[in-house]
Amino acid sequence: MRAEQDEASALLDGLDLDQLLGALTSGRGYEAALRDPPGRRDWSDVGAASVNFVQLDQRIDRLARLLAINKARPGATVAILAPLGPEAIVSVMASLRAGLSPFMLPLHGNELELLRLIEASEAVMALGVSRVGTQRPLLVLRNLAMRAFSTRFVGGFGPDVPDGVAPLDTLMASAGSHPLPDGAGRAAIQVADAAAMTGPFPLSERELLGKALDLSRLLKPEPSARIVTTLVGGDLAALASGPATALLTGVELLPLGLFSLGDLRACLAGGRAVHLILPGAFEPALAHSRLAAHAGLASVVFVQRSGDQRSYPALDRPDVTIADIVVHSAAQITIAQR
């Protein structure tokens, strides 16, 4: 065990998300990095698309340069209100590249809870998406910015950006000429407890990648596989099992954003090995469904959160790796294979 810990420590020394993306961009730049679920337009007004590693790096760089225009102090907080999809991943990585600290807000929080989190983080900027089902995150962020003294910039992704919010898709197209801060350091990621609505709690990239490494050693995904995650939050469990593991292994990531059984079926189709990430509460439903026997399943990861009652039947697939992520807090998890 000690040898494995020493090996992991050596692998993670000095490693960050940007370095992983840089290596993937250099070696496999035109392979898909992120893919939207087929039904995305139904809940976001944005058509489903795929993004390769080169395009992902370019989007991150443009947003990082756009954020740098605000000349915030190094390590200042950027609040993010979006499901765990392309916009949230770009926002997190762009903030880090600009020397800022990304803070993923729980998407289901009411305005009072979100205001408390934003004020606790002293966020100077806020980024969000225009629509998630019936929710309008950008309207919420605009209202919060009027009440939170520290927040001075609100930017939005999507086709329906309200007045008073900067349209990021348009502005990013011309942001390439703006310089990044010289010697921008790497700030901590911040996470919140989505049940208690408390935070922020700091999370280093090393901690994030350490958990992603633990998970990738269990799953052993092939480069041609894909990770499909139904998680929408931005705590350690969601970030490590989805974006961090995908970047660490170079595997295509499909974040559903808003759960749909039809989208999940479509993501499992196509003949690729699929590593599926689900809330633990979904296990009985999966075990009852035809998807439980799907030939494409290579592994299933269940995220067990505090207060969840484990119920049966449990998934029984001897040929499939089944793992549990036990969430102790927003910034502390353990990973174990069944």
Protein backbone atom coordinates (compact mmCIF):
# COMPACT_ATOMS: atom_id res chain seq x y z
CA MET A 1 0.00 0.00 0.00
CA ARG A 2 2.82 2.37 0.89
CA ALA A 3 4.45 1.74 -2.52
CA GLU A 4 1.17 2.62 -4.28
CA GLN A 5 0.87 5.84 -2.25
CA ASP A 6 4.45 6.82 -3.13
CA GLU A 7 3.80 6.07 -6.81
CA ALA A 8 0.61 8.16 -6.77
CA SER A 9 2.44 11.00 -5.04
CA ALA A 10 5.14 10.96 -7.72
CA LEU A 11 2.54 10.94 -10.51
CA LEU A 12 0.67 13.91 -9.05
CA ASP A 13 3.64 16.09 -8.12
CA GLY A 14 3.25 19.41 -9.94
CA LEU A 15 0.38 18.08 -12.08
CA ASP A 16 -2.71 20.18 -12.79
CA LEU A 17 -5.75 20.09 -15.08
CA ASP A 18 -4.14 22.43 -17.62
CA GLN A 19 -1.12 20.17 -18.00
CA LEU A 20 -3.36 17.16 -18.62
CA LEU A 21 -5.36 19.06 -21.22
CA GLY A 22 -2.15 20.31 -22.84
CA ALA A 23 -0.85 16.76 -23.22
CA LEU A 24 -4.15 15.59 -24.70
CA THR A 25 -4.30 18.58 -27.05
CA SER A 26 -0.79 17.86 -28.27
CA GLY A 27 -1.20 14.11 -28.73
CA ARG A 28 -4.90 13.58 -29.49
CA GLY A 29 -6.16 17.08 -30.25
CA TYR A 30 -8.90 16.22 -32.72
CA GLU A 31 -10.47 13.38 -30.74
CA ALA A 32 -13.70 14.13 -28.85
CA ALA A 33 -13.27 15.45 -25.33
CA LEU A 34 -16.87 16.37 -24.44
CA ARG A 35 -20.12 15.35 -26.05
CA ASP A 36 -23.60 16.69 -25.30
CA PRO A 37 -26.52 14.30 -24.80
CA PRO A 38 -28.86 14.14 -27.83
CA GLY A 39 -31.75 15.85 -26.03
CA ARG A 40 -29.81 18.86 -24.84
CA ARG A 41 -31.81 21.39 -26.90
CA ASP A 42 -34.98 20.33 -25.09
CA TRP A 43 -33.75 21.58 -21.72
CA SER A 44 -31.20 24.26 -22.63
CA ASP A 45 -32.04 25.72 -26.08
CA VAL A 46 -28.49 24.72 -27.13
CA GLY A 47 -28.09 22.08 -29.83
CA ALA A 48 -26.17 18.92 -28.99
CA ALA A 49 -22.55 19.08 -30.12
CA SER A 50 -19.16 17.52 -29.48
CA VAL A 51 -15.95 19.35 -28.60
CA ASN A 52 -12.47 17.97 -29.29
CA PHE A 53 -9.45 18.63 -27.09
CA VAL A 54 -8.16 21.47 -29.29
CA GLN A 55 -11.53 23.22 -29.25
CA LEU A 56 -11.86 22.72 -25.50
CA ASP A 57 -8.44 24.27 -24.90
CA GLN A 58 -9.30 27.22 -27.16
CA ARG A 59 -12.58 27.90 -25.36
CA ILE A 60 -10.89 27.75 -21.99
CA ASP A 61 -8.17 30.11 -23.15
CA ARG A 62 -10.62 32.65 -24.56
CA LEU A 63 -12.73 32.69 -21.42
CA ALA A 64 -9.63 32.94 -19.22
CA ARG A 65 -8.49 36.02 -21.18
CA LEU A 66 -11.98 37.51 -20.95
CA LEU A 67 -12.03 37.03 -17.18
CA ALA A 68 -8.56 38.59 -16.93
CA ILE A 69 -9.92 41.87 -18.33
CA ASN A 70 -11.64 42.43 -14.98
CA LYS A 71 -8.21 42.60 -13.30
CA ALA A 72 -9.36 40.82 -10.16
CA ARG A 73 -6.81 40.11 -7.46
CA PRO A 74 -5.11 36.70 -7.80
CA GLY A 75 -7.19 33.94 -6.24
CA ALA A 76 -10.44 35.93 -6.33
CA THR A 77 -13.60 33.82 -6.55
CA VAL A 78 -15.66 33.18 -9.68
CA ALA A 79 -19.12 31.76 -8.84
CA ILE A 80 -20.52 29.29 -11.41
CA LEU A 81 -24.21 28.36 -11.72
CA ALA A 82 -24.54 25.63 -14.34
CA PRO A 83 -24.99 21.86 -14.55
CA LEU A 84 -21.83 19.81 -14.81
CA GLY A 85 -21.53 20.14 -18.60
CA PRO A 86 -19.27 21.87 -21.12
CA GLU A 87 -19.97 25.40 -19.85
CA ALA A 88 -19.22 24.52 -16.23
CA ILE A 89 -16.04 22.62 -17.15
CA VAL A 90 -14.81 25.48 -19.35
CA SER A 91 -15.63 27.98 -16.58
CA VAL A 92 -13.76 26.03 -13.90
CA MET A 93 -10.67 25.53 -16.03
CA ALA A 94 -10.69 29.08 -17.41
CA SER A 95 -10.87 30.51 -13.90
CA LEU A 96 -7.89 28.41 -12.83
CA ARG A 97 -5.93 29.44 -15.93
CA ALA A 98 -6.60 33.11 -15.13
CA GLY A 99 -5.33 32.65 -11.56
CA LEU A 100 -8.86 32.76 -10.11
CA SER A 101 -10.75 30.38 -7.84
CA PRO A 102 -13.85 28.69 -9.35
CA PHE A 103 -16.79 28.02 -7.03
CA MET A 104 -19.53 25.69 -8.31
CA LEU A 105 -22.86 26.70 -6.79
CA PRO A 106 -25.59 24.07 -6.20
CA LEU A 107 -27.99 24.49 -9.09
CA HIS A 108 -31.10 23.77 -6.99
CA GLY A 109 -30.44 26.43 -4.33
CA ASN A 110 -32.92 29.24 -3.80
CA GLU A 111 -31.82 32.87 -4.06
CA LEU A 112 -31.32 33.36 -0.34
CA GLU A 113 -29.14 30.23 -0.05
CA LEU A 114 -27.13 31.16 -3.13
CA LEU A 115 -26.68 34.73 -1.92
CA ARG A 116 -25.30 33.42 1.37
CA LEU A 117 -22.79 31.23 -0.50
CA ILE A 118 -21.74 34.03 -2.86
CA GLU A 119 -21.24 36.46 0.02
CA ALA A 120 -19.26 33.86 2.00
CA SER A 121 -16.96 33.34 -1.01
CA GLU A 122 -16.72 37.07 -1.80
CA ALA A 123 -17.13 36.21 -5.48
CA VAL A 124 -16.12 39.06 -7.77
CA MET A 125 -17.55 37.42 -10.90
CA ALA A 126 -20.40 35.04 -11.67
CA LEU A 127 -20.93 32.81 -14.72
CA GLY A 128 -23.97 30.76 -15.69
CA VAL A 129 -26.13 29.26 -18.40
CA SER A 130 -29.32 30.73 -19.77
CA ARG A 131 -31.70 27.83 -19.14
CA VAL A 132 -31.85 24.43 -17.44
CA GLY A 133 -35.36 23.08 -17.86
CA THR A 134 -37.64 25.59 -16.13
CA GLN A 135 -34.75 27.26 -14.30
CA ARG A 136 -33.19 30.53 -15.48
CA PRO A 137 -29.76 30.65 -13.80
CA LEU A 138 -28.70 33.92 -15.44
CA LEU A 139 -31.70 35.78 -14.08
CA VAL A 140 -30.87 34.43 -10.63
CA LEU A 141 -27.21 35.50 -10.94
CA ARG A 142 -28.19 38.98 -12.14
CA ASN A 143 -30.48 39.41 -9.14
CA LEU A 144 -27.81 38.14 -6.77
CA ALA A 145 -25.15 40.46 -8.21
CA MET A 146 -27.38 43.43 -7.40
CA ARG A 147 -27.46 42.30 -3.75
CA ALA A 148 -23.91 40.97 -3.31
CA PHE A 149 -21.54 43.92 -3.00
CA SER A 150 -18.44 42.03 -4.18
CA THR A 151 -19.87 40.66 -7.47
CA ARG A 152 -19.16 43.12 -10.25
CA PHE A 153 -19.35 41.01 -13.42
CA VAL A 154 -21.97 38.48 -14.58
CA GLY A 155 -21.47 36.52 -17.79
CA GLY A 156 -23.77 34.02 -19.44
CA PHE A 157 -23.61 31.17 -21.94
CA GLY A 158 -26.50 30.38 -24.27
CA PRO A 159 -28.81 32.04 -26.78
CA ASP A 160 -31.02 33.92 -24.29
CA VAL A 161 -28.78 36.19 -22.21
CA PRO A 162 -30.82 38.83 -20.30
CA ASP A 163 -30.00 42.53 -20.19
CA GLY A 164 -27.26 43.35 -17.72
CA VAL A 165 -25.44 40.05 -18.32
CA ALA A 166 -22.41 39.79 -20.62
CA PRO A 167 -22.98 37.37 -23.55
CA LEU A 168 -19.96 35.09 -23.21
CA ASP A 169 -20.38 33.17 -26.47
CA THR A 170 -20.10 36.45 -28.41
CA LEU A 171 -17.38 38.05 -26.29
CA MET A 172 -15.18 34.95 -26.27
CA ALA A 173 -14.94 35.07 -30.04
CA SER A 174 -12.83 38.26 -29.81
CA ALA A 175 -11.04 37.59 -26.52
CA GLY A 176 -7.89 36.01 -27.97
CA SER A 177 -5.90 39.26 -27.98
CA HIS A 178 -6.39 39.97 -24.27
CA PRO A 179 -3.32 38.95 -22.23
CA LEU A 180 -3.43 36.58 -19.29
CA PRO A 181 -1.90 37.82 -16.03
CA ASP A 182 1.85 37.28 -15.89
CA GLY A 183 2.76 34.29 -13.75
CA ALA A 184 -0.84 33.53 -12.82
CA GLY A 185 -0.69 31.01 -9.98
CA ARG A 186 -3.10 28.14 -9.49
CA ALA A 187 -5.86 29.00 -7.02
CA ALA A 188 -7.92 26.44 -5.12
CA ILE A 189 -11.22 25.11 -6.43
CA GLN A 190 -14.14 25.76 -4.08
CA VAL A 191 -17.08 23.44 -3.48
CA ALA A 192 -20.33 23.57 -1.52
CA ASP A 193 -22.42 21.05 0.36
CA ALA A 194 -25.52 20.79 -1.83
CA ALA A 195 -27.68 19.30 0.94
CA ALA A 196 -26.83 21.68 3.78
CA MET A 197 -26.07 24.58 1.39
CA THR A 198 -22.88 25.35 3.29
CA GLY A 199 -19.47 26.38 2.01
CA PRO A 200 -17.30 27.25 0.33
CA PHE A 201 -14.74 24.55 1.11
CA PRO A 202 -11.33 24.70 -0.62
CA LEU A 203 -10.19 21.80 -2.78
CA SER A 204 -6.74 21.60 -4.37
CA GLU A 205 -6.20 20.23 -7.86
CA ARG A 206 -3.88 17.64 -6.32
CA GLU A 207 -6.70 16.35 -4.08
CA LEU A 208 -9.06 16.29 -7.06
CA LEU A 209 -6.63 14.42 -9.29
CA GLY A 210 -5.70 12.05 -6.47
CA LYS A 211 -9.30 10.84 -6.24
CA ALA A 212 -9.55 10.69 -10.04
CA LEU A 213 -6.42 8.53 -10.08
CA ASP A 214 -7.91 6.17 -7.47
CA LEU A 215 -11.06 5.82 -9.55
CA SER A 216 -9.25 5.36 -12.86
CA ARG A 217 -7.18 2.54 -11.34
CA LEU A 218 -10.42 0.73 -10.48
CA LEU A 219 -12.16 1.34 -13.79
CA LYS A 220 -9.12 1.01 -16.11
CA PRO A 221 -10.90 2.74 -19.04
CA GLU A 222 -9.62 2.15 -22.56
CA PRO A 223 -8.94 5.30 -24.65
CA SER A 224 -11.89 4.40 -26.89
CA ALA A 225 -14.33 4.21 -23.95
CA ARG A 226 -16.59 6.95 -22.70
CA ILE A 227 -17.63 8.20 -19.27
CA VAL A 228 -21.33 8.99 -18.91
CA THR A 229 -22.22 10.93 -15.78
CA THR A 230 -25.70 11.78 -14.56
CA LEU A 231 -24.35 13.99 -11.76
CA VAL A 232 -25.09 17.70 -12.01
CA GLY A 233 -23.38 19.09 -8.90
CA GLY A 234 -19.88 20.45 -8.51
CA ASP A 235 -18.53 18.85 -5.33
CA LEU A 236 -15.47 16.58 -5.15
CA ALA A 237 -17.47 13.44 -5.98
CA ALA A 238 -18.88 14.95 -9.18
CA LEU A 239 -15.70 16.71 -10.33
CA ALA A 240 -13.41 13.73 -9.65
CA SER A 241 -15.62 11.03 -11.20
CA GLY A 242 -16.43 13.06 -14.32
CA PRO A 243 -14.12 15.81 -15.63
CA ALA A 244 -10.97 14.92 -13.67
CA THR A 245 -11.08 11.20 -14.50
CA ALA A 246 -11.85 12.00 -18.15
CA LEU A 247 -8.85 14.33 -18.41
CA LEU A 248 -6.57 11.96 -16.52
CA THR A 249 -7.41 9.03 -18.82
CA GLY A 250 -8.15 10.89 -22.06
CA VAL A 251 -11.61 9.33 -22.24
CA GLU A 252 -14.58 11.11 -23.85
CA LEU A 253 -17.01 12.57 -21.29
CA LEU A 254 -20.78 12.75 -21.75
CA PRO A 255 -22.38 14.80 -18.95
CA LEU A 256 -26.16 14.46 -19.16
CA GLY A 257 -26.80 17.82 -17.49
CA LEU A 258 -30.46 17.01 -16.90
CA PHE A 259 -31.37 13.35 -16.45
CA SER A 260 -33.32 11.71 -19.24
CA LEU A 261 -33.73 7.95 -19.65
CA GLY A 262 -33.85 8.38 -23.43
CA ASP A 263 -30.58 10.32 -23.43
CA LEU A 264 -28.98 7.69 -21.20
CA ARG A 265 -29.99 4.93 -23.61
CA ALA A 266 -28.55 6.92 -26.51
CA CYS A 267 -25.28 7.49 -24.65
CA LEU A 268 -24.93 3.75 -24.04
CA ALA A 269 -25.49 2.99 -27.73
CA GLY A 270 -22.77 2.98 -30.33
CA GLY A 271 -20.65 0.00 -29.39
CA ARG A 272 -18.23 1.78 -27.03
CA ALA A 273 -17.42 0.60 -23.52
CA VAL A 274 -19.27 2.89 -21.12
CA HIS A 275 -18.35 3.81 -17.55
CA LEU A 276 -21.61 5.00 -16.01
CA ILE A 277 -21.79 7.28 -12.95
CA LEU A 278 -25.11 7.40 -11.08
CA PRO A 279 -26.44 8.59 -7.72
CA GLY A 280 -26.70 5.61 -5.36
CA ALA A 281 -30.46 6.13 -5.11
CA PHE A 282 -30.75 5.12 -8.79
CA GLU A 283 -29.36 1.62 -8.24
CA PRO A 284 -32.69 -0.22 -7.74
CA ALA A 285 -34.18 1.42 -10.83
CA LEU A 286 -31.12 0.46 -12.90
CA ALA A 287 -31.19 -3.10 -11.57
CA HIS A 288 -34.88 -3.37 -12.58
CA SER A 289 -34.32 -1.93 -16.07
CA ARG A 290 -33.16 -3.46 -19.33
CA LEU A 291 -30.15 -1.15 -19.21
CA ALA A 292 -28.73 -3.32 -16.42
CA ALA A 293 -27.97 -6.00 -18.99
CA HIS A 294 -26.59 -3.62 -21.64
CA ALA A 295 -23.52 -5.11 -23.31
CA GLY A 296 -21.79 -1.73 -23.43
CA LEU A 297 -21.52 -1.32 -19.67
CA ALA A 298 -17.90 -1.67 -18.55
CA SER A 299 -18.43 -0.27 -15.06
CA VAL A 300 -21.02 1.45 -12.90
CA VAL A 301 -20.06 3.92 -10.17
CA PHE A 302 -22.69 4.72 -7.53
CA VAL A 303 -22.31 7.93 -5.54
CA GLN A 304 -23.59 7.31 -2.02
CA ARG A 305 -24.47 10.52 -0.21
CA SER A 306 -25.15 11.10 3.46
CA GLY A 307 -28.76 10.37 4.38
CA ASP A 308 -29.40 8.17 1.32
CA GLN A 309 -31.03 4.84 2.20
CA ARG A 310 -29.58 1.91 0.30
CA SER A 311 -32.39 -0.17 -1.14
CA TYR A 312 -32.61 -3.34 -3.17
CA PRO A 313 -32.41 -5.00 -5.61
CA ALA A 314 -28.73 -4.22 -6.12
CA LEU A 315 -27.08 -4.41 -9.52
CA ASP A 316 -25.75 -7.91 -10.18
CA ARG A 317 -23.29 -8.01 -13.08
CA PRO A 318 -20.19 -10.16 -12.33
CA ASP A 319 -18.69 -9.05 -15.66
CA VAL A 320 -18.99 -5.34 -14.79
CA THR A 321 -16.83 -3.38 -12.35
CA ILE A 322 -19.08 -1.87 -9.68
CA ALA A 323 -17.68 0.82 -7.38
CA ASP A 324 -19.06 3.09 -4.69
CA ILE A 325 -18.04 6.68 -3.99
CA VAL A 326 -19.01 7.42 -0.39
CA VAL A 327 -19.44 11.15 0.15
CA HIS A 328 -18.39 12.20 3.64
CA SER A 329 -18.49 15.91 2.81
CA ALA A 330 -18.33 18.19 -0.22
CA ALA A 331 -14.53 17.92 -0.19
CA GLN A 332 -13.99 14.43 1.23
CA ILE A 333 -14.84 11.07 -0.38
CA THR A 334 -13.71 7.45 -0.31
CA ILE A 335 -13.77 5.08 -3.28
CA ALA A 336 -14.15 1.31 -3.03
CA GLN A 337 -14.84 -1.56 -5.41
CA ARG A 338 -17.56 -4.02 -4.46
